[in-house]
C-alpha atoms as a PDB file:
ATOM      1  CA  MET A   1     146.735 137.188-202.792  1.00  0.00           C
ATOM      2  CA  SER A   2     146.907 139.144-206.002  1.00  0.00           C
ATOM      3  CA  ASP A   3     143.612 138.341-207.384  1.00  0.00           C
ATOM      4  CA  ALA A   4     141.124 140.649-208.989  1.00  0.00           C
ATOM      5  CA  THR A   5     137.877 141.823-207.601  1.00  0.00           C
ATOM      6  CA  MET A   6     134.858 143.128-209.134  1.00  0.00           C
ATOM      7  CA  GLN A   7     131.109 143.604-208.661  1.00  0.00           C
ATOM      8  CA  CYS A   8     128.926 141.371-210.491  1.00  0.00           C
ATOM      9  CA  PRO A   9     125.991 143.676-211.303  1.00  0.00           C
ATOM     10  CA  THR A  10     123.534 140.740-212.351  1.00  0.00           C
ATOM     11  CA  MET A  11     123.687 138.483-209.082  1.00  0.00           C
ATOM     12  CA  GLN A  12     122.282 139.341-205.625  1.00  0.00           C
ATOM     13  CA  CYS A  13     122.534 137.453-202.575  1.00  0.00           C
ATOM     14  CA  PRO A  14     119.783 135.178-201.710  1.00  0.00           C
ATOM     15  CA  LYS A  15     120.086 136.066-197.903  1.00  0.00           C
ATOM     16  CA  CYS A  16     120.441 140.155-198.054  1.00  0.00           C
ATOM     17  CA  GLU A  17     120.132 140.920-201.618  1.00  0.00           C
ATOM     18  CA  SER A  18     123.511 142.844-201.893  1.00  0.00           C
ATOM     19  CA  LYS A  19     125.312 142.852-205.300  1.00  0.00           C
ATOM     20  CA  LEU A  20     127.711 140.135-205.300  1.00  0.00           C
ATOM     21  CA  ASP A  21     131.294 140.836-205.675  1.00  0.00           C
ATOM     22  CA  THR A  22     133.515 138.380-207.870  1.00  0.00           C
ATOM     23  CA  HIS A  23     136.882 137.145-206.962  1.00  0.00           C
ATOM     24  CA  GLU A  24     139.117 135.068-208.889  1.00  0.00           C
ATOM     25  CA  ARG A  25     141.298 132.815-206.946  1.00  0.00           C
ATOM     26  CA  HIS A  26     143.671 130.418-207.847  1.00  0.00           C
ATOM     27  CA  GLY A  27     142.035 130.304-211.192  1.00  0.00           C
ATOM     28  CA  VAL A  28     138.590 129.782-209.595  1.00  0.00           C
ATOM     29  CA  VAL A  29     135.699 132.688-209.879  1.00  0.00           C
ATOM     30  CA  ILE A  30     134.149 132.799-206.490  1.00  0.00           C
ATOM     31  CA  GLU A  31     131.035 135.132-205.855  1.00  0.00           C
ATOM     32  CA  GLU A  32     131.264 136.771-202.302  1.00  0.00           C
ATOM     33  CA  CYS A  33     128.251 139.070-200.574  1.00  0.00           C
ATOM     34  CA  PRO A  34     129.946 142.210-199.201  1.00  0.00           C
ATOM     35  CA  GLY A  35     127.150 142.477-196.774  1.00  0.00           C
ATOM     36  CA  CYS A  36     126.594 139.100-195.049  1.00  0.00           C
ATOM     37  CA  LYS A  37     130.134 137.542-196.276  1.00  0.00           C
ATOM     38  CA  GLY A  38     128.346 134.501-197.787  1.00  0.00           C
ATOM     39  CA  VAL A  39     130.590 132.787-200.452  1.00  0.00           C
ATOM     40  CA  PHE A  40     128.933 131.293-203.603  1.00  0.00           C
ATOM     41  CA  LEU A  41     130.504 128.652-205.811  1.00  0.00           C
ATOM     42  CA  ASP A  42     129.508 127.194-209.306  1.00  0.00           C
ATOM     43  CA  ARG A  43     129.252 123.465-210.199  1.00  0.00           C
ATOM     44  CA  GLY A  44     132.727 122.128-209.996  1.00  0.00           C
ATOM     45  CA  GLU A  45     134.594 125.012-208.305  1.00  0.00           C
ATOM     46  CA  LEU A  46     134.566 123.549-204.825  1.00  0.00           C
ATOM     47  CA  GLU A  47     136.537 120.386-206.648  1.00  0.00           C
ATOM     48  CA  GLN A  48     138.906 122.822-208.052  1.00  0.00           C
ATOM     49  CA  LEU A  49     139.643 124.412-204.909  1.00  0.00           C
ATOM     50  CA  ILE A  50     140.226 121.430-203.150  1.00  0.00           C
ATOM     51  CA  ASP A  51     142.798 120.111-205.840  1.00  0.00           C
ATOM     52  CA  ALA A  52     144.414 123.805-205.524  1.00  0.00           C
ATOM     53  CA  GLU A  53     144.463 123.332-201.682  1.00  0.00           C
ATOM     54  CA  SER A  54     146.276 119.884-202.279  1.00  0.00           C
ATOM     55  CA  ARG A  55     148.946 121.342-204.308  1.00  0.00           C
ATOM     56  CA  TYR A  56     149.595 124.258-201.863  1.00  0.00           C
ATOM     57  CA  LEU A  57     149.642 122.058-198.766  1.00  0.00           C
ATOM     58  CA  ALA A  58     152.339 119.782-200.724  1.00  0.00           C
ATOM     59  CA  GLU A  59     154.652 122.472-200.910  1.00  0.00           C
ATOM     60  CA  LEU A  60     155.361 122.386-197.340  1.00  0.00           C
ATOM     61  CA  PRO A  61     158.397 120.449-196.263  1.00  0.00           C
ATOM     62  CA  ASP A  62     157.831 117.141-194.633  1.00  0.00           C
ATOM     63  CA  ASP A  63     160.179 117.872-191.774  1.00  0.00           C
ATOM     64  CA  ALA A  64     158.684 121.424-191.230  1.00  0.00           C
ATOM     65  CA  ASN A  65     157.477 122.071-187.718  1.00  0.00           C
ATOM     66  CA  PRO A  66     154.668 124.522-187.749  1.00  0.00           C
ATOM     67  CA  GLU A  67     155.527 125.465-184.105  1.00  0.00           C
ATOM     68  CA  THR A  68     159.108 126.811-185.045  1.00  0.00           C
ATOM     69  CA  THR A  69     158.569 127.712-188.665  1.00  0.00           C
ATOM     70  CA  TYR A  70     155.649 129.862-188.580  1.00  0.00           C
ATOM     71  CA  GLN A  71     156.227 131.201-184.854  1.00  0.00           C
ATOM     72  CA  GLY A  72     153.056 129.897-183.253  1.00  0.00           C
ATOM     73  CA  ARG A  73     151.024 130.554-186.373  1.00  0.00           C
ATOM     74  CA  HIS A  74     149.974 128.061-188.656  1.00  0.00           C
ATOM     75  CA  ARG A  75     150.161 128.055-192.482  1.00  0.00           C
ATOM     76  CA  ARG A  76     146.783 128.627-193.713  1.00  0.00           C
ATOM     77  CA  GLY A  77     145.260 126.617-196.844  1.00  0.00           C
ATOM     78  CA  ILE A  78     143.906 128.370-199.868  1.00  0.00           C
ATOM     79  CA  VAL A  79     140.302 127.456-198.726  1.00  0.00           C
ATOM     80  CA  GLU A  80     140.717 128.629-195.135  1.00  0.00           C
ATOM     81  CA  GLN A  81     142.031 131.938-196.771  1.00  0.00           C
ATOM     82  CA  ILE A  82     139.025 132.159-198.984  1.00  0.00           C
ATOM     83  CA  PHE A  83     136.342 131.739-196.054  1.00  0.00           C
ATOM     84  CA  ALA A  84     138.208 133.857-193.672  1.00  0.00           C
ATOM     85  CA  GLY A  85     137.685 136.689-196.122  1.00  0.00           C
ATOM     86  CA  ASP A  86     141.536 137.224-196.921  1.00  0.00           C
ATOM     87  CA  GLN A  87     141.942 139.515-199.684  1.00  0.00           C
END
């Protein structure tokens, strides 16, 4: 992913009080805590991510076999990448 990361100086994590980092992923702004790795979404952003995920997964050909296409790995979706902390 080639999305920008910047620190959000006014927002703090409610759990550990670290300053939140802001990432733009697929047109959705996501706040993430660098301390505890919490992810925070604004209203409507989860729905935007779900829509982006649907479009992303639709690109996979119907006849693709994940076991042979990805050599034992599986194609990770957008939401899985975000919550796994991929940059």
